[in-house]
Amino acid sequence: MVLREKERITENVAVMSSRRAGIEQAEGALTVIYGIAPEAAFKILRWRSQQTTTTLRALAVQLVADFQSLDAENGPPSRAVCDRLVMTVHERTPR
């Protein structure tokens, strides 16, 4: 019985970690782009989530996908491009 409980806990931790990964990636991107602390990046994600009634996780995953789709051959995107992506990410987020 104890082994089964440990397996269940391990599975739950793995699921929680995978769900958090998208949020952490979006935080990291915002941290680099805007030169802010991870806590401030999380506040931006939470704010957009609340303002658009979109789950934070879904919003973060879409934002990461948006950043990955940018053409990086010409260097990093402008801040204006990133601002537009952040402000409109909910429009591209699956519901």
C-alpha atoms as a PDB file:
ATOM      1  CA  MET A   1       0.000   0.000   0.000  1.00  0.00           C
ATOM      2  CA  VAL A   2       2.848   2.407   0.817  1.00  0.00           C
ATOM      3  CA  LEU A   3       4.498   1.806  -2.577  1.00  0.00           C
ATOM      4  CA  ARG A   4       1.237   2.588  -4.378  1.00  0.00           C
ATOM      5  CA  GLU A   5       0.890   5.835  -2.424  1.00  0.00           C
ATOM      6  CA  LYS A   6       4.447   6.863  -3.349  1.00  0.00           C
ATOM      7  CA  GLU A   7       3.747   6.131  -7.020  1.00  0.00           C
ATOM      8  CA  ARG A   8       0.587   8.243  -6.887  1.00  0.00           C
ATOM      9  CA  ILE A   9       2.462  11.135  -5.288  1.00  0.00           C
ATOM     10  CA  THR A  10       5.254  10.871  -7.861  1.00  0.00           C
ATOM     11  CA  GLU A  11       2.722  10.942 -10.706  1.00  0.00           C
ATOM     12  CA  ASN A  12       0.953  13.962  -9.214  1.00  0.00           C
ATOM     13  CA  VAL A  13       4.228  15.866  -8.849  1.00  0.00           C
ATOM     14  CA  ALA A  14       5.123  15.081 -12.471  1.00  0.00           C
ATOM     15  CA  VAL A  15       1.745  16.362 -13.678  1.00  0.00           C
ATOM     16  CA  MET A  16       2.047  19.560 -11.643  1.00  0.00           C
ATOM     17  CA  SER A  17       5.573  20.147 -12.943  1.00  0.00           C
ATOM     18  CA  SER A  18       4.512  19.733 -16.566  1.00  0.00           C
ATOM     19  CA  ARG A  19       1.616  22.142 -16.069  1.00  0.00           C
ATOM     20  CA  ARG A  20       3.916  24.708 -14.496  1.00  0.00           C
ATOM     21  CA  ALA A  21       6.538  24.398 -17.264  1.00  0.00           C
ATOM     22  CA  GLY A  22       4.597  26.528 -19.767  1.00  0.00           C
ATOM     23  CA  ILE A  23       4.102  29.271 -17.202  1.00  0.00           C
ATOM     24  CA  GLU A  24       7.789  29.234 -16.305  1.00  0.00           C
ATOM     25  CA  GLN A  25       8.781  29.413 -19.975  1.00  0.00           C
ATOM     26  CA  ALA A  26       6.529  32.425 -20.517  1.00  0.00           C
ATOM     27  CA  GLU A  27       7.923  34.045 -17.369  1.00  0.00           C
ATOM     28  CA  GLY A  28      11.440  33.450 -18.671  1.00  0.00           C
ATOM     29  CA  ALA A  29      10.649  34.990 -22.041  1.00  0.00           C
ATOM     30  CA  LEU A  30       9.093  38.075 -20.460  1.00  0.00           C
ATOM     31  CA  THR A  31      12.009  38.351 -18.059  1.00  0.00           C
ATOM     32  CA  VAL A  32      14.493  38.445 -20.936  1.00  0.00           C
ATOM     33  CA  ILE A  33      12.429  40.648 -23.245  1.00  0.00           C
ATOM     34  CA  TYR A  34      11.502  43.276 -20.671  1.00  0.00           C
ATOM     35  CA  GLY A  35      14.470  42.934 -18.322  1.00  0.00           C
ATOM     36  CA  ILE A  36      12.219  42.325 -15.319  1.00  0.00           C
ATOM     37  CA  ALA A  37      12.196  39.929 -12.384  1.00  0.00           C
ATOM     38  CA  PRO A  38      10.337  36.612 -12.695  1.00  0.00           C
ATOM     39  CA  GLU A  39       7.803  37.818 -10.124  1.00  0.00           C
ATOM     40  CA  ALA A  40       6.975  40.832 -12.288  1.00  0.00           C
ATOM     41  CA  ALA A  41       6.671  38.596 -15.360  1.00  0.00           C
ATOM     42  CA  PHE A  42       4.240  36.363 -13.474  1.00  0.00           C
ATOM     43  CA  LYS A  43       2.199  39.427 -12.492  1.00  0.00           C
ATOM     44  CA  ILE A  44       1.915  40.388 -16.169  1.00  0.00           C
ATOM     45  CA  LEU A  45       0.718  36.896 -17.069  1.00  0.00           C
ATOM     46  CA  ARG A  46      -1.743  36.855 -14.181  1.00  0.00           C
ATOM     47  CA  TRP A  47      -3.033  40.326 -15.115  1.00  0.00           C
ATOM     48  CA  ARG A  48      -3.645  39.346 -18.761  1.00  0.00           C
ATOM     49  CA  SER A  49      -5.280  36.118 -17.620  1.00  0.00           C
ATOM     50  CA  GLN A  50      -7.655  37.938 -15.293  1.00  0.00           C
ATOM     51  CA  GLN A  51      -8.408  40.751 -17.744  1.00  0.00           C
ATOM     52  CA  THR A  52      -9.279  38.327 -20.535  1.00  0.00           C
ATOM     53  CA  THR A  53     -10.826  35.511 -18.470  1.00  0.00           C
ATOM     54  CA  THR A  54      -8.339  33.091 -19.982  1.00  0.00           C
ATOM     55  CA  THR A  55      -6.621  30.468 -17.868  1.00  0.00           C
ATOM     56  CA  LEU A  56      -3.122  31.508 -16.965  1.00  0.00           C
ATOM     57  CA  ARG A  57      -1.635  28.220 -18.135  1.00  0.00           C
ATOM     58  CA  ALA A  58      -3.325  28.363 -21.564  1.00  0.00           C
ATOM     59  CA  LEU A  59      -2.334  31.998 -22.002  1.00  0.00           C
ATOM     60  CA  ALA A  60       1.289  31.257 -21.075  1.00  0.00           C
ATOM     61  CA  VAL A  61       1.538  28.262 -23.408  1.00  0.00           C
ATOM     62  CA  GLN A  62       0.166  30.330 -26.300  1.00  0.00           C
ATOM     63  CA  LEU A  63       2.524  33.201 -25.574  1.00  0.00           C
ATOM     64  CA  VAL A  64       5.510  30.848 -25.650  1.00  0.00           C
ATOM     65  CA  ALA A  65       4.291  29.459 -28.977  1.00  0.00           C
ATOM     66  CA  ASP A  66       3.903  33.012 -30.294  1.00  0.00           C
ATOM     67  CA  PHE A  67       7.447  33.929 -29.284  1.00  0.00           C
ATOM     68  CA  GLN A  68       8.800  30.723 -30.830  1.00  0.00           C
ATOM     69  CA  SER A  69       7.066  31.482 -34.121  1.00  0.00           C
ATOM     70  CA  LEU A  70       8.809  34.838 -34.540  1.00  0.00           C
ATOM     71  CA  ASP A  71      11.529  35.097 -37.161  1.00  0.00           C
ATOM     72  CA  ALA A  72      14.719  35.243 -35.109  1.00  0.00           C
ATOM     73  CA  GLU A  73      17.058  35.457 -38.099  1.00  0.00           C
ATOM     74  CA  ASN A  74      17.056  39.249 -37.923  1.00  0.00           C
ATOM     75  CA  GLY A  75      17.713  39.362 -34.190  1.00  0.00           C
ATOM     76  CA  PRO A  76      15.299  39.616 -31.312  1.00  0.00           C
ATOM     77  CA  PRO A  77      11.864  41.116 -31.947  1.00  0.00           C
ATOM     78  CA  SER A  78      11.224  44.719 -31.046  1.00  0.00           C
ATOM     79  CA  ARG A  79       9.552  45.528 -27.771  1.00  0.00           C
ATOM     80  CA  ALA A  80       6.545  46.806 -29.718  1.00  0.00           C
ATOM     81  CA  VAL A  81       6.109  43.380 -31.326  1.00  0.00           C
ATOM     82  CA  CYS A  82       6.330  41.719 -27.922  1.00  0.00           C
ATOM     83  CA  ASP A  83       3.881  44.219 -26.419  1.00  0.00           C
ATOM     84  CA  ARG A  84       1.383  43.410 -29.174  1.00  0.00           C
ATOM     85  CA  LEU A  85       1.771  39.676 -28.595  1.00  0.00           C
ATOM     86  CA  VAL A  86       1.258  40.046 -24.843  1.00  0.00           C
ATOM     87  CA  MET A  87      -1.786  42.270 -25.249  1.00  0.00           C
ATOM     88  CA  THR A  88      -3.473  40.044 -27.842  1.00  0.00           C
ATOM     89  CA  VAL A  89      -2.389  36.550 -26.766  1.00  0.00           C
ATOM     90  CA  HIS A  90      -5.892  35.751 -25.498  1.00  0.00           C
ATOM     91  CA  GLU A  91      -7.218  36.129 -29.044  1.00  0.00           C
ATOM     92  CA  ARG A  92      -5.055  33.211 -30.172  1.00  0.00           C
ATOM     93  CA  THR A  93      -5.495  31.044 -27.081  1.00  0.00           C
ATOM     94  CA  PRO A  94      -7.743  28.001 -27.559  1.00  0.00           C
ATOM     95  CA  ARG A  95     -10.717  28.026 -25.231  1.00  0.00           C
END
